Amino acid sequence: METTADGTSYFQEGDHIRIKRTGETGRINAADGGVVYVLMEETKETKLFSARADEDAYIELVTSEVAGTISREPESEDNSAARSRAIRRSG
């Protein structure tokens, strides 16, 4: 992920992302003109998203290719609820 001088963050090539609504993951394989092309891990299809990373973004950072660290961004409500249900079932 890249942050500009004005504080705006953008996804960049190599970032590992998650679609907030579905939990699907993929890797950004290209960025151009304010959009990113994501190769989805399960289906191997390419999807197109806005490159801007903010609270309204459809995707969220999982790990950054450059930093190689796990994102500290908040987890989406959909994923949080699913994780809570899974923990209750296993425990």
Protein backbone atom coordinates (compact mmCIF):
# COMPACT_ATOMS: atom_id res chain seq x y z
CA MET A 1 0.00 0.00 0.00
CA GLU A 2 1.21 3.46 -0.83
CA THR A 3 0.34 6.71 0.95
CA THR A 4 0.70 10.06 -0.82
CA ALA A 5 1.95 13.30 0.73
CA ASP A 6 -1.65 14.43 1.32
CA GLY A 7 -2.36 11.25 3.34
CA THR A 8 -4.41 9.39 0.72
CA SER A 9 -3.67 5.64 0.62
CA TYR A 10 -3.75 3.51 -2.51
CA PHE A 11 -3.42 -0.22 -3.10
CA GLN A 12 -0.44 -1.18 -5.23
CA GLU A 13 0.88 -4.08 -7.25
CA GLY A 14 1.73 -7.10 -5.07
CA ASP A 15 -0.67 -6.28 -2.21
CA HIS A 16 -2.68 -9.25 -0.90
CA ILE A 17 -6.31 -8.16 -0.50
CA ARG A 18 -9.68 -9.43 0.73
CA ILE A 19 -13.11 -8.53 -0.65
CA LYS A 20 -14.91 -7.21 2.43
CA ARG A 21 -18.36 -8.58 1.59
CA THR A 22 -17.42 -12.13 0.53
CA GLY A 23 -14.06 -12.77 2.21
CA GLU A 24 -12.51 -13.84 -1.11
CA THR A 25 -8.79 -13.12 -1.34
CA GLY A 26 -6.47 -12.26 -4.17
CA ARG A 27 -3.31 -10.44 -5.15
CA ILE A 28 -3.09 -7.16 -7.06
CA ASN A 29 -1.24 -7.92 -10.27
CA ALA A 30 -1.52 -4.47 -11.89
CA ALA A 31 -2.47 -0.90 -11.03
CA ASP A 32 -3.33 1.73 -13.63
CA GLY A 33 -5.21 5.02 -13.71
CA GLY A 34 -6.81 4.78 -10.27
CA VAL A 35 -7.85 1.13 -10.57
CA VAL A 36 -6.27 -2.17 -9.55
CA TYR A 37 -6.58 -5.55 -11.25
CA VAL A 38 -6.84 -8.38 -8.73
CA LEU A 39 -6.16 -12.03 -9.55
CA MET A 40 -8.52 -13.99 -7.29
CA GLU A 41 -6.91 -16.99 -5.54
CA GLU A 42 -9.79 -19.50 -5.74
CA THR A 43 -11.22 -18.80 -9.19
CA LYS A 44 -8.11 -17.39 -10.94
CA GLU A 45 -10.33 -14.71 -12.47
CA THR A 46 -9.33 -11.05 -12.65
CA LYS A 47 -11.50 -8.42 -10.97
CA LEU A 48 -11.27 -4.65 -11.19
CA PHE A 49 -11.48 -2.32 -8.15
CA SER A 50 -10.75 1.29 -7.23
CA ALA A 51 -7.14 1.76 -6.14
CA ARG A 52 -8.10 4.15 -3.33
CA ALA A 53 -7.94 2.55 0.12
CA ASP A 54 -10.40 4.10 2.57
CA GLU A 55 -13.26 3.02 4.83
CA ASP A 56 -15.66 2.90 1.85
CA ALA A 57 -13.39 0.68 -0.26
CA TYR A 58 -14.82 -2.63 -1.47
CA ILE A 59 -11.49 -4.37 -0.69
CA GLU A 60 -9.11 -4.31 2.27
CA LEU A 61 -5.40 -4.97 2.65
CA VAL A 62 -4.39 -8.33 4.10
CA THR A 63 -0.62 -8.03 3.56
CA SER A 64 1.62 -5.71 1.62
CA GLU A 65 4.23 -7.14 -0.75
CA VAL A 66 6.59 -4.31 0.19
CA ALA A 67 6.17 -4.48 3.96
CA GLY A 68 5.32 -8.18 4.20
CA THR A 69 3.26 -7.52 7.31
CA ILE A 70 -0.33 -8.14 8.28
CA SER A 71 -2.60 -5.14 7.93
CA ARG A 72 -3.70 -3.35 11.08
CA GLU A 73 -6.87 -2.12 9.38
CA PRO A 74 -10.16 -2.98 11.09
CA GLU A 75 -11.85 -6.20 10.05
CA SER A 76 -15.14 -5.82 8.20
CA GLU A 77 -18.34 -6.51 10.16
CA ASP A 78 -19.25 -9.44 7.87
CA ASN A 79 -15.93 -11.21 8.50
CA SER A 80 -15.98 -10.43 12.21
CA ALA A 81 -19.45 -11.96 12.61
CA ALA A 82 -18.47 -15.08 10.63
CA ARG A 83 -15.34 -15.53 12.73
CA SER A 84 -17.38 -15.19 15.96
CA ARG A 85 -19.83 -17.86 14.78
CA ALA A 86 -16.97 -20.22 13.86
CA ILE A 87 -15.33 -19.75 17.27
CA ARG A 88 -18.61 -20.46 19.10
CA ARG A 89 -19.12 -23.66 17.09
CA SER A 90 -15.61 -24.96 17.71
CA GLY A 91 -15.49 -24.12 21.39
